[in-house]
C-alpha atoms as a PDB file:
ATOM      1  CA  MET A   1       0.133  -0.327   0.177  1.00  0.00           C
ATOM      2  CA  ALA A   2       1.591   3.528  -0.908  1.00  0.00           C
ATOM      3  CA  LEU A   3       2.079   6.065   1.970  1.00  0.00           C
ATOM      4  CA  PRO A   4      -0.149   8.966   2.072  1.00  0.00           C
ATOM      5  CA  VAL A   5       0.882  12.143   0.027  1.00  0.00           C
ATOM      6  CA  SER A   6      -0.023  14.731   2.762  1.00  0.00           C
ATOM      7  CA  GLY A   7      -0.399  14.663   6.518  1.00  0.00           C
ATOM      8  CA  TYR A   8       2.117  13.752   9.112  1.00  0.00           C
ATOM      9  CA  ILE A   9       4.766  11.291   8.793  1.00  0.00           C
ATOM     10  CA  ASN A  10       5.203   8.499  10.809  1.00  0.00           C
ATOM     11  CA  GLY A  11       8.732   7.492  11.900  1.00  0.00           C
ATOM     12  CA  SER A  12       8.445   3.821  10.569  1.00  0.00           C
ATOM     13  CA  ASP A  13       7.798   5.307   6.960  1.00  0.00           C
ATOM     14  CA  LEU A  14      11.600   6.063   6.943  1.00  0.00           C
ATOM     15  CA  LEU A  15      14.190   3.618   6.497  1.00  0.00           C
ATOM     16  CA  LEU A  16      17.995   3.793   6.966  1.00  0.00           C
ATOM     17  CA  SER A  17      20.093   1.231   4.872  1.00  0.00           C
ATOM     18  CA  VAL A  18      23.696   0.409   5.708  1.00  0.00           C
ATOM     19  CA  GLY A  19      25.918  -0.982   3.203  1.00  0.00           C
ATOM     20  CA  GLY A  20      22.948  -2.038   0.813  1.00  0.00           C
ATOM     21  CA  LYS A  21      20.752  -3.485   3.793  1.00  0.00           C
ATOM     22  CA  ALA A  22      18.192  -2.022   5.767  1.00  0.00           C
ATOM     23  CA  VAL A  23      18.754  -1.665   9.325  1.00  0.00           C
ATOM     24  CA  GLY A  24      16.427  -4.638  11.001  1.00  0.00           C
ATOM     25  CA  HIS A  25      14.517  -4.310  13.844  1.00  0.00           C
ATOM     26  CA  CYS A  26      15.612  -0.731  14.321  1.00  0.00           C
ATOM     27  CA  THR A  27      13.824   0.981  17.138  1.00  0.00           C
ATOM     28  CA  SER A  28      14.703   4.677  15.918  1.00  0.00           C
ATOM     29  CA  HIS A  29      17.553   6.428  13.658  1.00  0.00           C
ATOM     30  CA  THR A  30      18.291  10.191  13.734  1.00  0.00           C
ATOM     31  CA  LEU A  31      19.807  12.194  10.928  1.00  0.00           C
ATOM     32  CA  THR A  32      21.682  15.363  11.945  1.00  0.00           C
ATOM     33  CA  PHE A  33      22.711  17.816   9.577  1.00  0.00           C
ATOM     34  CA  ASN A  34      25.720  19.786  10.737  1.00  0.00           C
ATOM     35  CA  SER A  35      27.283  23.143   9.927  1.00  0.00           C
ATOM     36  CA  GLU A  36      30.827  24.357  11.277  1.00  0.00           C
ATOM     37  CA  THR A  37      30.675  28.022  11.732  1.00  0.00           C
ATOM     38  CA  LYS A  38      32.874  30.872  12.367  1.00  0.00           C
ATOM     39  CA  ASP A  39      32.227  34.038  14.168  1.00  0.00           C
ATOM     40  CA  ARG A  40      33.201  37.345  12.992  1.00  0.00           C
ATOM     41  CA  ALA A  41      33.670  40.300  15.317  1.00  0.00           C
ATOM     42  CA  VAL A  42      34.368  43.684  14.255  1.00  0.00           C
ATOM     43  CA  LYS A  43      34.321  47.172  15.645  1.00  0.00           C
ATOM     44  CA  PRO A  44      31.267  48.915  14.576  1.00  0.00           C
ATOM     45  CA  ALA A  45      31.589  51.994  12.422  1.00  0.00           C
ATOM     46  CA  ALA A  46      32.068  55.125  14.353  1.00  0.00           C
ATOM     47  CA  SER A  47      28.405  56.452  13.780  1.00  0.00           C
ATOM     48  CA  ALA A  48      26.974  53.281  15.411  1.00  0.00           C
ATOM     49  CA  GLY A  49      26.447  52.556  18.961  1.00  0.00           C
ATOM     50  CA  TYR A  50      28.811  50.301  20.784  1.00  0.00           C
ATOM     51  CA  SER A  51      26.077  47.833  21.489  1.00  0.00           C
ATOM     52  CA  ALA A  52      26.378  47.189  17.279  1.00  0.00           C
ATOM     53  CA  GLY A  53      29.832  45.418  17.988  1.00  0.00           C
ATOM     54  CA  LEU A  54      28.426  42.784  20.377  1.00  0.00           C
ATOM     55  CA  TRP A  55      26.526  41.389  17.305  1.00  0.00           C
ATOM     56  CA  LYS A  56      28.602  38.876  15.528  1.00  0.00           C
ATOM     57  CA  GLY A  57      28.821  37.724  11.893  1.00  0.00           C
ATOM     58  CA  LYS A  58      28.840  34.293  11.379  1.00  0.00           C
ATOM     59  CA  GLY A  59      29.727  31.978   8.436  1.00  0.00           C
ATOM     60  CA  VAL A  60      29.674  28.628   7.411  1.00  0.00           C
ATOM     61  CA  THR A  61      33.050  26.744   7.097  1.00  0.00           C
ATOM     62  CA  GLY A  62      31.929  23.289   6.578  1.00  0.00           C
ATOM     63  CA  LEU A  63      29.229  20.624   6.146  1.00  0.00           C
ATOM     64  CA  SER A  64      28.898  17.361   7.330  1.00  0.00           C
ATOM     65  CA  ILE A  65      25.859  14.769   8.181  1.00  0.00           C
ATOM     66  CA  SER A  66      25.852  12.296  11.352  1.00  0.00           C
ATOM     67  CA  ILE A  67      23.405   9.671  11.644  1.00  0.00           C
ATOM     68  CA  SER A  68      22.797   7.610  15.042  1.00  0.00           C
ATOM     69  CA  ALA A  69      20.199   4.254  15.317  1.00  0.00           C
ATOM     70  CA  GLU A  70      19.208   2.081  17.635  1.00  0.00           C
ATOM     71  CA  GLY A  71      17.778  -1.316  17.196  1.00  0.00           C
ATOM     72  CA  LEU A  72      17.157  -4.730  19.144  1.00  0.00           C
ATOM     73  CA  ARG A  73      19.332  -7.694  19.042  1.00  0.00           C
ATOM     74  CA  TYR A  74      17.947 -10.433  17.150  1.00  0.00           C
ATOM     75  CA  TYR A  75      18.889 -14.140  16.159  1.00  0.00           C
ATOM     76  CA  GLY A  76      18.843 -14.984  12.587  1.00  0.00           C
ATOM     77  CA  GLU A  77      18.906 -11.291  11.756  1.00  0.00           C
ATOM     78  CA  ALA A  78      17.975 -11.286   7.750  1.00  0.00           C
ATOM     79  CA  GLU A  79      18.729  -7.686   7.086  1.00  0.00           C
ATOM     80  CA  ASN A  80      21.645  -5.527   8.668  1.00  0.00           C
ATOM     81  CA  GLY A  81      21.958  -5.786  12.474  1.00  0.00           C
ATOM     82  CA  PHE A  82      24.570  -5.723  14.902  1.00  0.00           C
ATOM     83  CA  ASP A  83      26.795  -8.674  13.920  1.00  0.00           C
ATOM     84  CA  GLU A  84      27.103  -7.370  10.123  1.00  0.00           C
ATOM     85  CA  ILE A  85      27.543  -3.959  11.365  1.00  0.00           C
ATOM     86  CA  ALA A  86      30.009  -4.728  13.990  1.00  0.00           C
ATOM     87  CA  ALA A  87      31.891  -6.886  11.332  1.00  0.00           C
ATOM     88  CA  ASN A  88      32.434  -3.768   9.129  1.00  0.00           C
ATOM     89  CA  TRP A  89      33.111  -1.780  11.999  1.00  0.00           C
ATOM     90  CA  GLY A  90      36.072  -4.165  12.832  1.00  0.00           C
ATOM     91  CA  ILE A  91      37.717  -3.694   9.208  1.00  0.00           C
ATOM     92  CA  GLY A  92      37.744  -0.017   9.356  1.00  0.00           C
ATOM     93  CA  GLN A  93      35.426  -0.197   5.930  1.00  0.00           C
ATOM     94  CA  THR A  94      33.578   2.843   4.783  1.00  0.00           C
ATOM     95  CA  VAL A  95      29.917   1.835   4.318  1.00  0.00           C
ATOM     96  CA  GLN A  96      27.030   3.260   1.903  1.00  0.00           C
ATOM     97  CA  ILE A  97      24.238   4.931   3.700  1.00  0.00           C
ATOM     98  CA  LYS A  98      20.598   5.433   2.099  1.00  0.00           C
ATOM     99  CA  ALA A  99      17.883   7.364   3.701  1.00  0.00           C
ATOM    100  CA  PHE A 100      14.754   6.998   2.124  1.00  0.00           C
ATOM    101  CA  GLN A 101      11.056   6.668   2.664  1.00  0.00           C
ATOM    102  CA  ARG A 102       9.661   3.303   2.606  1.00  0.00           C
ATOM    103  CA  GLU A 103       7.495   3.341  -0.348  1.00  0.00           C
ATOM    104  CA  GLY A 104       6.640   5.876  -3.007  1.00  0.00           C
ATOM    105  CA  ASP A 105      10.272   7.436  -3.029  1.00  0.00           C
ATOM    106  CA  ALA A 106      12.656   5.771  -5.241  1.00  0.00           C
ATOM    107  CA  SER A 107      14.843   8.044  -4.487  1.00  0.00           C
ATOM    108  CA  PRO A 108      16.948   8.366  -0.980  1.00  0.00           C
ATOM    109  CA  TYR A 109      16.912  11.904   0.693  1.00  0.00           C
ATOM    110  CA  VAL A 110      20.384  11.313   1.910  1.00  0.00           C
ATOM    111  CA  GLN A 111      23.190   9.097   0.198  1.00  0.00           C
ATOM    112  CA  GLY A 112      26.888   8.411   0.482  1.00  0.00           C
ATOM    113  CA  ASN A 113      29.740   7.005   2.211  1.00  0.00           C
ATOM    114  CA  PHE A 114      29.714   6.838   5.941  1.00  0.00           C
ATOM    115  CA  VAL A 115      32.211   5.554   8.488  1.00  0.00           C
ATOM    116  CA  ILE A 116      31.035   3.750  11.659  1.00  0.00           C
ATOM    117  CA  ALA A 117      32.141   5.859  14.424  1.00  0.00           C
ATOM    118  CA  SER A 118      30.962   3.763  17.214  1.00  0.00           C
ATOM    119  CA  ILE A 119      28.686   0.804  17.852  1.00  0.00           C
ATOM    120  CA  GLU A 120      27.697   0.102  21.501  1.00  0.00           C
ATOM    121  CA  GLU A 121      26.012  -3.216  22.640  1.00  0.00           C
ATOM    122  CA  SER A 122      23.441  -2.948  25.718  1.00  0.00           C
ATOM    123  CA  SER A 123      22.599  -6.133  27.053  1.00  0.00           C
ATOM    124  CA  PRO A 124      20.258  -5.800  30.588  1.00  0.00           C
ATOM    125  CA  ALA A 125      19.302  -8.859  32.569  1.00  0.00           C
ATOM    126  CA  GLN A 126      16.127 -10.462  31.623  1.00  0.00           C
ATOM    127  CA  ASP A 127      15.283  -7.838  29.092  1.00  0.00           C
ATOM    128  CA  ASP A 128      15.758  -7.348  25.381  1.00  0.00           C
ATOM    129  CA  ALA A 129      19.625  -6.655  24.081  1.00  0.00           C
ATOM    130  CA  THR A 130      19.675  -3.850  22.272  1.00  0.00           C
ATOM    131  CA  TYR A 131      22.675  -1.947  20.136  1.00  0.00           C
ATOM    132  CA  SER A 132      23.270   1.706  19.204  1.00  0.00           C
ATOM    133  CA  ILE A 133      25.365   3.080  16.267  1.00  0.00           C
ATOM    134  CA  LYS A 134      27.183   6.358  15.509  1.00  0.00           C
ATOM    135  CA  LEU A 135      27.947   7.165  11.779  1.00  0.00           C
ATOM    136  CA  GLU A 136      29.498  10.045  10.251  1.00  0.00           C
ATOM    137  CA  SER A 137      29.953  11.085   6.382  1.00  0.00           C
ATOM    138  CA  VAL A 138      32.834  11.002   4.776  1.00  0.00           C
ATOM    139  CA  GLY A 139      33.228  13.888   2.242  1.00  0.00           C
ATOM    140  CA  GLU A 140      30.560  15.245   0.302  1.00  0.00           C
ATOM    141  CA  PRO A 141      27.624  12.657   0.004  1.00  0.00           C
ATOM    142  CA  ASP A 142      25.983  11.553  -3.522  1.00  0.00           C
ATOM    143  CA  MET A 143      22.631  13.095  -2.014  1.00  0.00           C
ATOM    144  CA  TYR A 144      21.513  15.333   0.292  1.00  0.00           C
ATOM    145  CA  PRO A 145      18.901  18.273   0.821  1.00  0.00           C
ATOM    146  CA  GLY A 146      19.849  21.236  -1.441  1.00  0.00           C
ATOM    147  CA  LYS A 147      22.370  19.362  -3.845  1.00  0.00           C
ATOM    148  CA  ASN A 148      21.932  20.139  -7.336  1.00  0.00           C
ATOM    149  CA  GLY A 149      22.716  18.311 -10.435  1.00  0.00           C
ATOM    150  CA  GLY A 150      22.538  14.312 -10.895  1.00  0.00           C
ATOM    151  CA  LEU A 151      23.216  11.089  -9.517  1.00  0.00           C
ATOM    152  CA  ILE A 152      23.378   7.665 -10.262  1.00  0.00           C
ATOM    153  CA  SER A 153      23.959   4.468  -8.144  1.00  0.00           C
ATOM    154  CA  LEU A 154      23.933   0.833  -9.884  1.00  0.00           C
ATOM    155  CA  GLY A 155      23.446  -0.584  -5.865  1.00  0.00           C
ATOM    156  CA  VAL A 156      26.524  -2.618  -6.166  1.00  0.00           C
ATOM    157  CA  LYS A 157      30.377  -2.225  -6.613  1.00  0.00           C
ATOM    158  CA  ALA A 158      31.232  -5.768  -7.567  1.00  0.00           C
ATOM    159  CA  ILE A 159      29.562  -9.014  -8.818  1.00  0.00           C
ATOM    160  CA  LYS A 160      30.557 -12.675  -9.536  1.00  0.00           C
ATOM    161  CA  LEU A 161      28.786 -14.679 -12.346  1.00  0.00           C
ATOM    162  CA  VAL A 162      29.135 -17.843 -13.951  1.00  0.00           C
ATOM    163  CA  VAL A 163      29.313 -18.196 -17.688  1.00  0.00           C
ATOM    164  CA  GLY A 164      25.422 -18.254 -18.743  1.00  0.00           C
ATOM    165  CA  ASP A 165      24.371 -16.057 -15.717  1.00  0.00           C
ATOM    166  CA  LYS A 166      22.429 -12.906 -16.069  1.00  0.00           C
ATOM    167  CA  PHE A 167      22.232 -10.286 -13.743  1.00  0.00           C
ATOM    168  CA  THR A 168      19.786  -7.218 -13.453  1.00  0.00           C
ATOM    169  CA  PHE A 169      20.725  -3.541 -12.288  1.00  0.00           C
ATOM    170  CA  LEU A 170      18.271  -1.668 -10.466  1.00  0.00           C
ATOM    171  CA  PRO A 171      19.960   1.693 -10.172  1.00  0.00           C
ATOM    172  CA  THR A 172      18.844   4.725  -8.366  1.00  0.00           C
ATOM    173  CA  THR A 173      18.996   8.236 -10.088  1.00  0.00           C
ATOM    174  CA  LEU A 174      18.536  11.761  -9.240  1.00  0.00           C
ATOM    175  CA  PRO A 175      16.388  13.230 -10.587  1.00  0.00           C
ATOM    176  CA  ALA A 176      14.499   9.882 -10.167  1.00  0.00           C
ATOM    177  CA  GLY A 177      13.308   7.905 -13.608  1.00  0.00           C
ATOM    178  CA  ALA A 178      16.439   9.621 -15.441  1.00  0.00           C
ATOM    179  CA  ALA A 179      17.336   7.330 -18.397  1.00  0.00           C
ATOM    180  CA  VAL A 180      20.303   5.166 -18.009  1.00  0.00           C
ATOM    181  CA  THR A 181      22.763   4.205 -20.705  1.00  0.00           C
ATOM    182  CA  TYR A 182      24.951   1.107 -20.110  1.00  0.00           C
ATOM    183  CA  THR A 183      28.280  -0.018 -21.343  1.00  0.00           C
ATOM    184  CA  SER A 184      30.478  -2.886 -20.750  1.00  0.00           C
ATOM    185  CA  SER A 185      34.574  -2.302 -21.158  1.00  0.00           C
ATOM    186  CA  THR A 186      34.633  -5.855 -22.460  1.00  0.00           C
ATOM    187  CA  PRO A 187      31.465  -7.302 -23.818  1.00  0.00           C
ATOM    188  CA  ALA A 188      33.159 -10.552 -24.929  1.00  0.00           C
ATOM    189  CA  LYS A 189      33.047 -11.538 -21.063  1.00  0.00           C
ATOM    190  CA  ALA A 190      29.960 -10.203 -19.911  1.00  0.00           C
ATOM    191  CA  SER A 191      27.509  -7.679 -22.440  1.00  0.00           C
ATOM    192  CA  VAL A 192      24.906  -5.487 -21.005  1.00  0.00           C
ATOM    193  CA  THR A 193      21.394  -4.642 -22.877  1.00  0.00           C
ATOM    194  CA  SER A 194      19.895  -0.828 -22.612  1.00  0.00           C
ATOM    195  CA  GLY A 195      17.675  -2.253 -19.821  1.00  0.00           C
ATOM    196  CA  GLY A 196      20.819  -3.006 -17.625  1.00  0.00           C
ATOM    197  CA  VAL A 197      20.742  -6.882 -18.164  1.00  0.00           C
ATOM    198  CA  VAL A 198      24.287  -8.388 -17.567  1.00  0.00           C
ATOM    199  CA  THR A 199      25.094 -11.730 -19.543  1.00  0.00           C
ATOM    200  CA  ALA A 200      28.120 -13.442 -18.740  1.00  0.00           C
ATOM    201  CA  ALA A 201      29.598 -15.199 -21.774  1.00  0.00           C
ATOM    202  CA  ALA A 202      33.314 -16.026 -20.848  1.00  0.00           C
ATOM    203  CA  ALA A 203      35.616 -16.303 -18.465  1.00  0.00           C
ATOM    204  CA  GLY A 204      37.147 -13.033 -17.527  1.00  0.00           C
ATOM    205  CA  SER A 205      36.373  -9.611 -16.349  1.00  0.00           C
ATOM    206  CA  THR A 206      35.061  -6.389 -17.391  1.00  0.00           C
ATOM    207  CA  VAL A 207      33.503  -3.306 -16.096  1.00  0.00           C
ATOM    208  CA  ILE A 208      30.255  -2.279 -16.785  1.00  0.00           C
ATOM    209  CA  THR A 209      29.253   1.560 -16.386  1.00  0.00           C
ATOM    210  CA  GLY A 210      25.623   3.159 -16.111  1.00  0.00           C
ATOM    211  CA  SER A 211      25.571   6.918 -16.930  1.00  0.00           C
ATOM    212  CA  ILE A 212      22.995   9.762 -16.923  1.00  0.00           C
ATOM    213  CA  THR A 213      22.825  13.412 -18.067  1.00  0.00           C
ATOM    214  CA  VAL A 214      21.413  15.724 -16.543  1.00  0.00           C
ATOM    215  CA  ASP A 215      21.525  19.596 -17.745  1.00  0.00           C
ATOM    216  CA  GLY A 216      24.211  18.657 -20.281  1.00  0.00           C
ATOM    217  CA  LYS A 217      26.204  17.169 -17.633  1.00  0.00           C
ATOM    218  CA  THR A 218      27.264  13.259 -17.269  1.00  0.00           C
ATOM    219  CA  TYR A 219      27.081  11.394 -13.941  1.00  0.00           C
ATOM    220  CA  THR A 220      28.348   7.848 -14.243  1.00  0.00           C
ATOM    221  CA  ASP A 221      28.891   4.645 -11.722  1.00  0.00           C
ATOM    222  CA  THR A 222      30.448   1.398 -12.341  1.00  0.00           C
ATOM    223  CA  CYS A 223      30.445  -1.993 -11.334  1.00  0.00           C
ATOM    224  CA  ALA A 224      33.174  -4.639 -11.571  1.00  0.00           C
ATOM    225  CA  VAL A 225      31.981  -7.967 -12.932  1.00  0.00           C
ATOM    226  CA  THR A 226      33.886 -11.350 -12.587  1.00  0.00           C
ATOM    227  CA  VAL A 227      32.885 -14.344 -14.536  1.00  0.00           C
ATOM    228  CA  THR A 228      33.850 -17.840 -13.869  1.00  0.00           C
ATOM    229  CA  ALA A 229      33.587 -20.824 -16.087  1.00  0.00           C
ATOM    230  CA  SER A 230      30.510 -23.229 -15.476  1.00  0.00           C
END
């Protein structure tokens, strides 16, 4: 059932995805848009009163996004949970974050690479075990409120196929629904159709590139494909 297009937004309508999987059994998540600022204090003009100098100018010198989330520990977690997120933290790996509406919104409103700044597990006696995570953006995110231009994400950076296998890309684009052009660097190893269907042809490797054009500028994303013999 589609979400309503007006009225109040329920917290359960909004999802957080870490590394391509929704955070399972998440009880809440919080996105914070941070501004680093610099105060500028100047002496007021001679014609102004002394009190005018008490009001400082302020400029933005940096932007970042931080995210926190809390969830329940769960055996046999099918989506992202403590075990998988903790493993990503343990190897110091950045993760791709998406924040999006559960239904009716194909494009996330925040997307980019984040580091797992901390992960904490709480295990009270005779009660549900929980965990919390904190994430911080790495550089400029691909998508955030106020960003202009275009974006394409193929959704996966590398795949492995056996000769004869097929794989279909389900890209995310900004603007949503933008026409995607696909190319393969080595079609003899794996070809790709205009609809994003990859067919593994021979053992070896290739790179699939998806591109969109927005206001005359081209945006791309790539996926490495490795093909093994059947």
